[in-house]
PDB file of N, CA and C in Angstrom:
ATOM      1  N   MET A   1     157.911  66.358 112.531  1.00  0.00           N
ATOM      2  CA  MET A   1     157.639  66.252 111.047  1.00  0.00           C
ATOM      3  C   MET A   1     156.905  65.714 110.726  1.00  0.00           C
ATOM      4  N   GLY A   2     156.625  66.055 109.359  1.00  0.00           N
ATOM      5  CA  GLY A   2     155.464  65.644 108.427  1.00  0.00           C
ATOM      6  C   GLY A   2     155.844  65.038 107.096  1.00  0.00           C
ATOM      7  N   PRO A   3     155.032  64.964 106.179  1.00  0.00           N
ATOM      8  CA  PRO A   3     155.206  64.368 105.267  1.00  0.00           C
ATOM      9  C   PRO A   3     156.012  65.282 104.267  1.00  0.00           C
ATOM     10  N   VAL A   4     156.961  64.820 103.275  1.00  0.00           N
ATOM     11  CA  VAL A   4     157.633  65.542 102.406  1.00  0.00           C
ATOM     12  C   VAL A   4     156.985  65.696 101.021  1.00  0.00           C
ATOM     13  N   GLU A   5     156.528  66.551 100.344  1.00  0.00           N
ATOM     14  CA  GLU A   5     155.951  66.118  98.954  1.00  0.00           C
ATOM     15  C   GLU A   5     156.889  67.170  98.135  1.00  0.00           C
ATOM     16  N   MET A   6     157.044  66.192  96.709  1.00  0.00           N
ATOM     17  CA  MET A   6     157.695  66.945  95.767  1.00  0.00           C
ATOM     18  C   MET A   6     156.618  67.224  94.543  1.00  0.00           C
ATOM     19  N   ASP A   7     157.143  68.114  93.700  1.00  0.00           N
ATOM     20  CA  ASP A   7     156.376  68.607  92.519  1.00  0.00           C
ATOM     21  C   ASP A   7     156.921  67.812  91.369  1.00  0.00           C
ATOM     22  N   GLU A   8     156.212  67.907  90.242  1.00  0.00           N
ATOM     23  CA  GLU A   8     156.540  67.118  89.000  1.00  0.00           C
ATOM     24  C   GLU A   8     158.033  67.615  88.472  1.00  0.00           C
ATOM     25  N   PHE A   9     158.454  68.932  88.925  1.00  0.00           N
ATOM     26  CA  PHE A   9     159.999  69.115  88.744  1.00  0.00           C
ATOM     27  C   PHE A   9     161.063  68.640  89.894  1.00  0.00           C
ATOM     28  N   GLY A  10     160.619  67.943  90.830  1.00  0.00           N
ATOM     29  CA  GLY A  10     161.541  67.352  91.993  1.00  0.00           C
ATOM     30  C   GLY A  10     161.840  68.540  92.997  1.00  0.00           C
ATOM     31  N   ASP A  11     160.939  69.734  93.060  1.00  0.00           N
ATOM     32  CA  ASP A  11     160.965  70.531  94.265  1.00  0.00           C
ATOM     33  C   ASP A  11     160.227  70.280  95.267  1.00  0.00           C
ATOM     34  N   ARG A  12     160.670  70.576  96.138  1.00  0.00           N
ATOM     35  CA  ARG A  12     159.985  70.140  97.478  1.00  0.00           C
ATOM     36  C   ARG A  12     158.532  71.233  97.780  1.00  0.00           C
ATOM     37  N   GLN A  13     157.604  70.537  98.070  1.00  0.00           N
ATOM     38  CA  GLN A  13     156.392  71.408  97.907  1.00  0.00           C
ATOM     39  C   GLN A  13     156.465  71.843  99.600  1.00  0.00           C
ATOM     40  N   MET A  14     156.592  72.861  99.736  1.00  0.00           N
ATOM     41  CA  MET A  14     156.493  73.540 101.322  1.00  0.00           C
ATOM     42  C   MET A  14     155.245  74.333 101.571  1.00  0.00           C
ATOM     43  N   ASP A  15     154.785  73.827 102.746  1.00  0.00           N
ATOM     44  CA  ASP A  15     153.804  74.520 103.507  1.00  0.00           C
ATOM     45  C   ASP A  15     154.106  75.546 104.293  1.00  0.00           C
ATOM     46  N   PHE A  16     153.531  76.856 104.676  1.00  0.00           N
ATOM     47  CA  PHE A  16     154.048  77.695 105.432  1.00  0.00           C
ATOM     48  C   PHE A  16     152.911  78.551 106.173  1.00  0.00           C
ATOM     49  N   ALA A  17     153.211  79.320 107.227  1.00  0.00           N
ATOM     50  CA  ALA A  17     152.187  80.257 107.893  1.00  0.00           C
ATOM     51  C   ALA A  17     152.216  81.326 107.561  1.00  0.00           C
ATOM     52  N   VAL A  18     151.477  82.141 107.303  1.00  0.00           N
ATOM     53  CA  VAL A  18     151.347  83.739 107.184  1.00  0.00           C
ATOM     54  C   VAL A  18     151.029  84.385 108.674  1.00  0.00           C
ATOM     55  N   TRP A  19     151.815  85.319 109.224  1.00  0.00           N
ATOM     56  CA  TRP A  19     151.615  85.903 110.349  1.00  0.00           C
ATOM     57  C   TRP A  19     151.140  87.253 110.270  1.00  0.00           C
ATOM     58  N   ASP A  20     150.616  87.987 111.134  1.00  0.00           N
ATOM     59  CA  ASP A  20     150.076  89.019 110.777  1.00  0.00           C
ATOM     60  C   ASP A  20     149.804  89.972 112.377  1.00  0.00           C
ATOM     61  N   THR A  21     150.461  91.328 112.590  1.00  0.00           N
ATOM     62  CA  THR A  21     150.444  91.642 113.606  1.00  0.00           C
ATOM     63  C   THR A  21     149.082  91.947 114.239  1.00  0.00           C
ATOM     64  N   ILE A  22     148.796  91.726 115.712  1.00  0.00           N
ATOM     65  CA  ILE A  22     147.680  91.966 116.285  1.00  0.00           C
ATOM     66  C   ILE A  22     147.641  92.833 117.225  1.00  0.00           C
ATOM     67  N   ASN A  23     149.068  93.374 117.841  1.00  0.00           N
ATOM     68  CA  ASN A  23     148.866  94.430 118.649  1.00  0.00           C
ATOM     69  C   ASN A  23     150.516  95.422 118.242  1.00  0.00           C
ATOM     70  N   ILE A  24     150.112  96.352 117.683  1.00  0.00           N
ATOM     71  CA  ILE A  24     151.166  97.144 117.235  1.00  0.00           C
ATOM     72  C   ILE A  24     152.391  97.810 118.531  1.00  0.00           C
ATOM     73  N   GLU A  25     151.583  97.988 119.469  1.00  0.00           N
ATOM     74  CA  GLU A  25     152.415  98.338 120.850  1.00  0.00           C
ATOM     75  C   GLU A  25     153.206  97.361 121.034  1.00  0.00           C
ATOM     76  N   SER A  26     152.732  96.067 121.378  1.00  0.00           N
ATOM     77  CA  SER A  26     153.405  95.140 122.206  1.00  0.00           C
ATOM     78  C   SER A  26     154.293  94.231 121.027  1.00  0.00           C
ATOM     79  N   GLY A  27     154.023  94.547 119.774  1.00  0.00           N
ATOM     80  CA  GLY A  27     154.464  93.327 118.752  1.00  0.00           C
ATOM     81  C   GLY A  27     154.108  92.174 118.500  1.00  0.00           C
ATOM     82  N   GLU A  28     152.701  91.691 119.111  1.00  0.00           N
ATOM     83  CA  GLU A  28     152.266  90.371 119.160  1.00  0.00           C
ATOM     84  C   GLU A  28     151.778  90.005 117.832  1.00  0.00           C
ATOM     85  N   PHE A  29     152.077  88.977 117.563  1.00  0.00           N
ATOM     86  CA  PHE A  29     152.036  88.317 116.163  1.00  0.00           C
ATOM     87  C   PHE A  29     151.205  87.253 116.205  1.00  0.00           C
ATOM     88  N   GLN A  30     149.929  86.723 115.154  1.00  0.00           N
ATOM     89  CA  GLN A  30     149.619  85.391 115.191  1.00  0.00           C
ATOM     90  C   GLN A  30     149.513  85.036 113.959  1.00  0.00           C
ATOM     91  N   VAL A  31     149.118  83.599 113.796  1.00  0.00           N
ATOM     92  CA  VAL A  31     149.235  82.895 112.534  1.00  0.00           C
ATOM     93  C   VAL A  31     147.749  83.293 111.912  1.00  0.00           C
ATOM     94  N   VAL A  32     147.583  83.945 110.931  1.00  0.00           N
ATOM     95  CA  VAL A  32     146.358  84.327 110.148  1.00  0.00           C
ATOM     96  C   VAL A  32     145.958  83.217 109.272  1.00  0.00           C
ATOM     97  N   CYS A  33     146.814  82.755 108.608  1.00  0.00           N
ATOM     98  CA  CYS A  33     146.436  81.540 107.344  1.00  0.00           C
ATOM     99  C   CYS A  33     147.399  80.671 107.266  1.00  0.00           C
ATOM    100  N   VAL A  34     147.427  79.676 106.577  1.00  0.00           N
ATOM    101  CA  VAL A  34     148.449  78.717 106.418  1.00  0.00           C
ATOM    102  C   VAL A  34     148.557  78.306 105.008  1.00  0.00           C
ATOM    103  N   TYR A  35     149.380  78.247 104.356  1.00  0.00           N
ATOM    104  CA  TYR A  35     149.231  77.928 102.996  1.00  0.00           C
ATOM    105  C   TYR A  35     149.705  76.253 102.718  1.00  0.00           C
ATOM    106  N   ASN A  36     148.967  75.709 101.948  1.00  0.00           N
ATOM    107  CA  ASN A  36     148.870  74.132 101.955  1.00  0.00           C
ATOM    108  C   ASN A  36     149.525  73.996 100.475  1.00  0.00           C
ATOM    109  N   SER A  37     150.479  73.431 100.424  1.00  0.00           N
ATOM    110  CA  SER A  37     151.162  73.458  99.127  1.00  0.00           C
ATOM    111  C   SER A  37     150.726  72.337  98.364  1.00  0.00           C
ATOM    112  N   SER A  38     150.201  71.032  98.970  1.00  0.00           N
ATOM    113  CA  SER A  38     149.698  70.230  98.161  1.00  0.00           C
ATOM    114  C   SER A  38     148.176  70.484  97.545  1.00  0.00           C
ATOM    115  N   MET A  39     147.489  71.194  98.312  1.00  0.00           N
ATOM    116  CA  MET A  39     146.371  71.754  97.809  1.00  0.00           C
ATOM    117  C   MET A  39     146.273  73.229  96.956  1.00  0.00           C
ATOM    118  N   LYS A  40     147.413  73.701  97.103  1.00  0.00           N
ATOM    119  CA  LYS A  40     147.606  74.944  96.440  1.00  0.00           C
ATOM    120  C   LYS A  40     146.759  76.002  96.757  1.00  0.00           C
ATOM    121  N   GLN A  41     146.515  76.148  98.215  1.00  0.00           N
ATOM    122  CA  GLN A  41     145.738  77.114  98.759  1.00  0.00           C
ATOM    123  C   GLN A  41     145.916  77.609 100.096  1.00  0.00           C
ATOM    124  N   LEU A  42     145.400  78.936 100.473  1.00  0.00           N
ATOM    125  CA  LEU A  42     145.715  79.400 101.761  1.00  0.00           C
ATOM    126  C   LEU A  42     144.234  79.029 102.628  1.00  0.00           C
ATOM    127  N   ILE A  43     144.708  78.781 103.667  1.00  0.00           N
ATOM    128  CA  ILE A  43     143.492  78.019 104.505  1.00  0.00           C
ATOM    129  C   ILE A  43     143.582  78.919 105.722  1.00  0.00           C
ATOM    130  N   MET A  44     142.322  79.998 105.900  1.00  0.00           N
ATOM    131  CA  MET A  44     142.276  81.048 107.004  1.00  0.00           C
ATOM    132  C   MET A  44     142.079  80.207 108.308  1.00  0.00           C
ATOM    133  N   GLN A  45     142.875  80.722 109.192  1.00  0.00           N
ATOM    134  CA  GLN A  45     142.834  80.031 110.440  1.00  0.00           C
ATOM    135  C   GLN A  45     141.461  80.749 111.457  1.00  0.00           C
ATOM    136  N   GLY A  46     140.540  80.007 112.027  1.00  0.00           N
ATOM    137  CA  GLY A  46     139.665  80.254 112.833  1.00  0.00           C
ATOM    138  C   GLY A  46     139.209  81.788 113.155  1.00  0.00           C
ATOM    139  N   GLY A  47     138.535  82.458 112.021  1.00  0.00           N
ATOM    140  CA  GLY A  47     138.197  83.660 112.221  1.00  0.00           C
ATOM    141  C   GLY A  47     138.963  84.756 112.039  1.00  0.00           C
ATOM    142  N   ARG A  48     140.231  84.468 111.902  1.00  0.00           N
ATOM    143  CA  ARG A  48     141.441  85.635 111.740  1.00  0.00           C
ATOM    144  C   ARG A  48     141.179  86.195 110.411  1.00  0.00           C
ATOM    145  N   SER A  49     141.671  87.419 110.541  1.00  0.00           N
ATOM    146  CA  SER A  49     141.967  88.076 109.290  1.00  0.00           C
ATOM    147  C   SER A  49     143.193  88.948 108.982  1.00  0.00           C
ATOM    148  N   PHE A  50     143.358  89.473 107.885  1.00  0.00           N
ATOM    149  CA  PHE A  50     144.416  90.300 108.001  1.00  0.00           C
ATOM    150  C   PHE A  50     143.986  91.772 108.386  1.00  0.00           C
ATOM    151  N   GLN A  51     145.086  92.564 108.834  1.00  0.00           N
ATOM    152  CA  GLN A  51     144.873  93.847 109.198  1.00  0.00           C
ATOM    153  C   GLN A  51     145.648  94.837 107.957  1.00  0.00           C
ATOM    154  N   TRP A  52     145.062  94.932 107.233  1.00  0.00           N
ATOM    155  CA  TRP A  52     145.621  95.893 105.936  1.00  0.00           C
ATOM    156  C   TRP A  52     145.655  97.351 106.566  1.00  0.00           C
ATOM    157  N   PRO A  53     146.782  98.077 105.720  1.00  0.00           N
ATOM    158  CA  PRO A  53     146.932  99.432 105.959  1.00  0.00           C
ATOM    159  C   PRO A  53     145.647 100.050 105.009  1.00  0.00           C
ATOM    160  N   ASP A  54     144.880 101.166 105.498  1.00  0.00           N
ATOM    161  CA  ASP A  54     143.760 101.412 104.592  1.00  0.00           C
ATOM    162  C   ASP A  54     142.802 100.608 104.146  1.00  0.00           C
ATOM    163  N   GLY A  55     142.758  99.272 105.179  1.00  0.00           N
ATOM    164  CA  GLY A  55     141.520  98.486 105.374  1.00  0.00           C
ATOM    165  C   GLY A  55     141.322  97.626 104.034  1.00  0.00           C
ATOM    166  N   SER A  56     142.398  97.495 103.165  1.00  0.00           N
ATOM    167  CA  SER A  56     142.269  96.575 102.042  1.00  0.00           C
ATOM    168  C   SER A  56     143.496  96.404 101.689  1.00  0.00           C
ATOM    169  N   PRO A  57     143.875  95.140 100.946  1.00  0.00           N
ATOM    170  CA  PRO A  57     145.021  94.773 100.358  1.00  0.00           C
ATOM    171  C   PRO A  57     145.598  95.523  99.450  1.00  0.00           C
ATOM    172  N   PRO A  58     146.827  95.553  99.104  1.00  0.00           N
ATOM    173  CA  PRO A  58     147.483  96.525  98.237  1.00  0.00           C
ATOM    174  C   PRO A  58     147.046  95.889  96.489  1.00  0.00           C
ATOM    175  N   PRO A  59     147.295  96.778  95.622  1.00  0.00           N
ATOM    176  CA  PRO A  59     146.852  96.256  94.307  1.00  0.00           C
ATOM    177  C   PRO A  59     147.803  95.274  93.994  1.00  0.00           C
ATOM    178  N   ASP A  60     147.353  94.136  93.026  1.00  0.00           N
ATOM    179  CA  ASP A  60     148.413  93.164  92.558  1.00  0.00           C
ATOM    180  C   ASP A  60     149.728  94.138  91.715  1.00  0.00           C
ATOM    181  N   VAL A  61     148.932  95.042  90.907  1.00  0.00           N
ATOM    182  CA  VAL A  61     150.273  95.879  90.336  1.00  0.00           C
ATOM    183  C   VAL A  61     150.450  97.330  90.898  1.00  0.00           C
ATOM    184  N   PRO A  62     151.610  97.738  91.240  1.00  0.00           N
ATOM    185  CA  PRO A  62     151.572  99.295  91.705  1.00  0.00           C
ATOM    186  C   PRO A  62     151.157 100.181  90.697  1.00  0.00           C
ATOM    187  N   GLU A  63     150.374 101.419  91.313  1.00  0.00           N
ATOM    188  CA  GLU A  63     149.983 102.451  90.357  1.00  0.00           C
ATOM    189  C   GLU A  63     150.816 102.711  89.224  1.00  0.00           C
ATOM    190  N   CYS A  64     152.124 102.855  89.492  1.00  0.00           N
ATOM    191  CA  CYS A  64     152.907 103.225  88.387  1.00  0.00           C
ATOM    192  C   CYS A  64     153.703 102.225  88.011  1.00  0.00           C
ATOM    193  N   GLY A  65     153.397 100.936  88.133  1.00  0.00           N
ATOM    194  CA  GLY A  65     153.996  99.871  87.645  1.00  0.00           C
ATOM    195  C   GLY A  65     155.198  99.464  88.183  1.00  0.00           C
ATOM    196  N   PHE A  66     155.828  98.208  88.131  1.00  0.00           N
ATOM    197  CA  PHE A  66     156.779  98.121  88.800  1.00  0.00           C
ATOM    198  C   PHE A  66     157.957  98.546  88.077  1.00  0.00           C
ATOM    199  N   LYS A  67     158.215  99.141  87.028  1.00  0.00           N
ATOM    200  CA  LYS A  67     159.412  99.664  86.590  1.00  0.00           C
ATOM    201  C   LYS A  67     159.163 101.575  86.513  1.00  0.00           C
ATOM    202  N   ASN A  68     158.020 101.859  87.197  1.00  0.00           N
ATOM    203  CA  ASN A  68     157.665 103.188  87.226  1.00  0.00           C
ATOM    204  C   ASN A  68     157.513 103.758  85.543  1.00  0.00           C
ATOM    205  N   ASP A  69     156.784 102.841  84.767  1.00  0.00           N
ATOM    206  CA  ASP A  69     156.563 103.058  83.376  1.00  0.00           C
ATOM    207  C   ASP A  69     155.386 103.027  82.909  1.00  0.00           C
ATOM    208  N   GLN A  70     154.153 103.504  83.699  1.00  0.00           N
ATOM    209  CA  GLN A  70     152.804 103.713  83.339  1.00  0.00           C
ATOM    210  C   GLN A  70     152.735 105.230  82.694  1.00  0.00           C
ATOM    211  N   PRO A  71     152.159 105.258  81.608  1.00  0.00           N
ATOM    212  CA  PRO A  71     152.167 106.588  80.937  1.00  0.00           C
ATOM    213  C   PRO A  71     151.777 107.969  81.843  1.00  0.00           C
ATOM    214  N   ALA A  72     150.626 107.518  82.649  1.00  0.00           N
ATOM    215  CA  ALA A  72     150.081 108.973  83.496  1.00  0.00           C
ATOM    216  C   ALA A  72     151.435 109.212  84.607  1.00  0.00           C
ATOM    217  N   CYS A  73     152.050 108.301  85.024  1.00  0.00           N
ATOM    218  CA  CYS A  73     153.180 108.333  86.146  1.00  0.00           C
ATOM    219  C   CYS A  73     154.338 109.307  85.511  1.00  0.00           C
ATOM    220  N   LEU A  74     154.612 108.720  84.159  1.00  0.00           N
ATOM    221  CA  LEU A  74     155.864 109.235  83.407  1.00  0.00           C
ATOM    222  C   LEU A  74     155.664 110.750  83.357  1.00  0.00           C
ATOM    223  N   ALA A  75     154.368 111.071  82.885  1.00  0.00           N
ATOM    224  CA  ALA A  75     153.889 112.470  82.626  1.00  0.00           C
ATOM    225  C   ALA A  75     154.400 113.181  83.852  1.00  0.00           C
ATOM    226  N   ARG A  76     153.787 112.819  85.192  1.00  0.00           N
ATOM    227  CA  ARG A  76     153.822 113.023  86.439  1.00  0.00           C
ATOM    228  C   ARG A  76     155.493 113.696  86.937  1.00  0.00           C
ATOM    229  N   THR A  77     155.923 112.329  86.729  1.00  0.00           N
ATOM    230  CA  THR A  77     157.443 112.171  86.982  1.00  0.00           C
ATOM    231  C   THR A  77     158.216 113.401  86.229  1.00  0.00           C
ATOM    232  N   ASN A  78     157.956 113.554  84.875  1.00  0.00           N
ATOM    233  CA  ASN A  78     158.797 114.675  83.966  1.00  0.00           C
ATOM    234  C   ASN A  78     158.323 116.084  84.606  1.00  0.00           C
ATOM    235  N   THR A  79     156.943 116.185  84.763  1.00  0.00           N
ATOM    236  CA  THR A  79     156.537 117.613  85.280  1.00  0.00           C
ATOM    237  C   THR A  79     157.285 117.842  86.461  1.00  0.00           C
ATOM    238  N   HIS A  80     157.389 117.085  87.539  1.00  0.00           N
ATOM    239  CA  HIS A  80     158.007 117.067  88.649  1.00  0.00           C
ATOM    240  C   HIS A  80     159.722 117.012  88.857  1.00  0.00           C
ATOM    241  N   THR A  81     160.283 116.754  87.776  1.00  0.00           N
ATOM    242  CA  THR A  81     161.663 116.688  87.392  1.00  0.00           C
ATOM    243  C   THR A  81     161.944 118.040  86.872  1.00  0.00           C
ATOM    244  N   HIS A  82     161.230 118.590  85.912  1.00  0.00           N
ATOM    245  CA  HIS A  82     161.518 119.922  85.353  1.00  0.00           C
ATOM    246  C   HIS A  82     161.130 120.969  86.586  1.00  0.00           C
ATOM    247  N   THR A  83     160.192 120.841  87.177  1.00  0.00           N
ATOM    248  CA  THR A  83     159.941 121.867  88.259  1.00  0.00           C
ATOM    249  C   THR A  83     161.020 121.835  89.236  1.00  0.00           C
ATOM    250  N   HIS A  84     161.530 120.659  89.795  1.00  0.00           N
ATOM    251  CA  HIS A  84     162.422 120.591  90.837  1.00  0.00           C
ATOM    252  C   HIS A  84     163.471 121.084  90.201  1.00  0.00           C
ATOM    253  N   SER A  85     164.093 120.840  88.794  1.00  0.00           N
ATOM    254  CA  SER A  85     165.266 121.588  88.184  1.00  0.00           C
ATOM    255  C   SER A  85     165.263 122.878  88.224  1.00  0.00           C
ATOM    256  N   LEU A  86     164.398 123.220  87.837  1.00  0.00           N
ATOM    257  CA  LEU A  86     164.025 124.954  87.651  1.00  0.00           C
ATOM    258  C   LEU A  86     164.146 125.302  89.118  1.00  0.00           C
ATOM    259  N   SER A  87     163.391 125.067  90.020  1.00  0.00           N
ATOM    260  CA  SER A  87     163.440 125.858  91.438  1.00  0.00           C
ATOM    261  C   SER A  87     165.133 125.585  92.045  1.00  0.00           C
ATOM    262  N   THR A  88     165.600 124.263  91.646  1.00  0.00           N
ATOM    263  CA  THR A  88     167.084 124.198  92.212  1.00  0.00           C
ATOM    264  C   THR A  88     167.734 125.357  91.782  1.00  0.00           C
ATOM    265  N   SER A  89     167.656 125.496  90.336  1.00  0.00           N
ATOM    266  CA  SER A  89     168.773 126.501  89.560  1.00  0.00           C
ATOM    267  C   SER A  89     168.305 127.813  90.059  1.00  0.00           C
ATOM    268  N   MET A  90     167.137 128.257  90.267  1.00  0.00           N
ATOM    269  CA  MET A  90     166.856 129.580  90.922  1.00  0.00           C
ATOM    270  C   MET A  90     167.289 129.718  92.143  1.00  0.00           C
ATOM    271  N   GLU A  91     167.343 128.554  92.943  1.00  0.00           N
ATOM    272  CA  GLU A  91     167.802 128.822  94.249  1.00  0.00           C
ATOM    273  C   GLU A  91     169.468 129.070  94.352  1.00  0.00           C
ATOM    274  N   LEU A  92     170.040 128.006  93.486  1.00  0.00           N
ATOM    275  CA  LEU A  92     171.658 128.328  93.392  1.00  0.00           C
ATOM    276  C   LEU A  92     171.909 129.740  92.879  1.00  0.00           C
ATOM    277  N   ARG A  93     171.317 130.093  91.851  1.00  0.00           N
ATOM    278  CA  ARG A  93     171.357 131.694  91.363  1.00  0.00           C
ATOM    279  C   ARG A  93     171.245 132.584  92.426  1.00  0.00           C
ATOM    280  N   ARG A  94     169.828 132.756  93.433  1.00  0.00           N
ATOM    281  CA  ARG A  94     169.878 133.523  94.419  1.00  0.00           C
ATOM    282  C   ARG A  94     171.367 133.531  95.475  1.00  0.00           C
ATOM    283  N   ARG A  95     171.473 132.249  95.569  1.00  0.00           N
ATOM    284  CA  ARG A  95     172.703 132.122  96.680  1.00  0.00           C
ATOM    285  C   ARG A  95     173.933 132.636  96.107  1.00  0.00           C
ATOM    286  N   ASN A  96     174.107 132.475  94.796  1.00  0.00           N
ATOM    287  CA  ASN A  96     175.348 132.941  94.383  1.00  0.00           C
ATOM    288  C   ASN A  96     175.775 134.390  94.430  1.00  0.00           C
ATOM    289  N   LYS A  97     174.464 135.276  94.153  1.00  0.00           N
ATOM    290  CA  LYS A  97     174.270 136.648  94.190  1.00  0.00           C
ATOM    291  C   LYS A  97     174.661 136.931  95.634  1.00  0.00           C
ATOM    292  N   GLN A  98     173.954 136.197  96.705  1.00  0.00           N
ATOM    293  CA  GLN A  98     174.152 136.764  98.161  1.00  0.00           C
ATOM    294  C   GLN A  98     175.849 136.539  98.223  1.00  0.00           C
ATOM    295  N   LEU A  99     176.540 135.617  97.811  1.00  0.00           N
ATOM    296  CA  LEU A  99     177.789 135.378  98.146  1.00  0.00           C
ATOM    297  C   LEU A  99     178.760 135.996  97.268  1.00  0.00           C
ATOM    298  N   ASP A 100     178.514 136.585  95.981  1.00  0.00           N
ATOM    299  CA  ASP A 100     179.703 137.163  95.319  1.00  0.00           C
ATOM    300  C   ASP A 100     179.120 138.626  95.184  1.00  0.00           C
ATOM    301  N   PRO A 101     179.949 139.470  95.627  1.00  0.00           N
ATOM    302  CA  PRO A 101     179.503 141.098  95.495  1.00  0.00           C
ATOM    303  C   PRO A 101     179.401 141.391  94.039  1.00  0.00           C
ATOM    304  N   PHE A 102     180.421 141.164  93.344  1.00  0.00           N
ATOM    305  CA  PHE A 102     180.243 141.265  91.767  1.00  0.00           C
ATOM    306  C   PHE A 102     178.933 141.180  91.075  1.00  0.00           C
ATOM    307  N   LEU A 103     178.144 140.087  91.423  1.00  0.00           N
ATOM    308  CA  LEU A 103     177.010 139.763  90.674  1.00  0.00           C
ATOM    309  C   LEU A 103     175.888 140.594  91.308  1.00  0.00           C
ATOM    310  N   THR A 104     176.020 141.410  92.549  1.00  0.00           N
ATOM    311  CA  THR A 104     174.931 142.035  93.073  1.00  0.00           C
ATOM    312  C   THR A 104     175.281 143.523  93.216  1.00  0.00           C
ATOM    313  N   GLY A 105     176.440 143.819  92.485  1.00  0.00           N
ATOM    314  CA  GLY A 105     176.835 145.226  92.529  1.00  0.00           C
ATOM    315  C   GLY A 105     177.274 146.043  93.740  1.00  0.00           C
ATOM    316  N   GLY A 106     177.461 145.047  94.594  1.00  0.00           N
ATOM    317  CA  GLY A 106     177.551 145.449  96.120  1.00  0.00           C
ATOM    318  C   GLY A 106     179.212 145.761  96.259  1.00  0.00           C
ATOM    319  N   SER A 107     180.024 145.813  95.475  1.00  0.00           N
ATOM    320  CA  SER A 107     181.541 145.711  95.763  1.00  0.00           C
ATOM    321  C   SER A 107     182.017 147.119  95.304  1.00  0.00           C
ATOM    322  N   ASP A 108     183.123 147.678  96.340  1.00  0.00           N
ATOM    323  CA  ASP A 108     183.566 149.103  95.859  1.00  0.00           C
ATOM    324  C   ASP A 108     184.725 148.987  94.868  1.00  0.00           C
ATOM    325  N   GLN A 109     185.007 147.765  94.338  1.00  0.00           N
ATOM    326  CA  GLN A 109     185.967 147.506  93.221  1.00  0.00           C
ATOM    327  C   GLN A 109     185.244 147.730  92.059  1.00  0.00           C
ATOM    328  N   GLN A 110     186.095 147.862  91.095  1.00  0.00           N
ATOM    329  CA  GLN A 110     185.620 147.948  89.551  1.00  0.00           C
ATOM    330  C   GLN A 110     186.230 147.074  88.695  1.00  0.00           C
ATOM    331  N   ILE A 111     185.714 146.706  87.708  1.00  0.00           N
ATOM    332  CA  ILE A 111     186.225 145.980  86.633  1.00  0.00           C
ATOM    333  C   ILE A 111     186.512 146.712  85.450  1.00  0.00           C
ATOM    334  N   VAL A 112     187.904 146.576  85.281  1.00  0.00           N
ATOM    335  CA  VAL A 112     188.277 147.463  83.884  1.00  0.00           C
ATOM    336  C   VAL A 112     188.534 146.603  82.945  1.00  0.00           C
ATOM    337  N   VAL A 113     187.727 146.527  81.787  1.00  0.00           N
ATOM    338  CA  VAL A 113     188.297 145.689  80.450  1.00  0.00           C
ATOM    339  C   VAL A 113     188.716 146.464  79.434  1.00  0.00           C
ATOM    340  N   LEU A 114     189.933 146.287  79.507  1.00  0.00           N
ATOM    341  CA  LEU A 114     190.675 146.973  78.069  1.00  0.00           C
ATOM    342  C   LEU A 114     190.640 146.252  76.933  1.00  0.00           C
TER     343      LEU A 114
END
């Protein structure tokens, strides 16, 4: 056990370790850094570093924002949604014609409207 520190609101200050995978095949992890709550900083451990996908940490804010509300992404989403809707409706229409002989003209029966 170690010292217990409290902040000005009476909340306990907690130190914690940040682990990272060092071998994907074996699933082996190691402590890369430790957060020191009294100093409010991450302390890297002896020459270790994070192994980030694509070699760098992710951005603080996602490309499309946290609510997918960035203008460039909205335009891209709307275009994708409209294209997907159009292709889906065309596919359903094609399938209906294959299943319904009246829509394709492939039936020997005739419809008589009086």
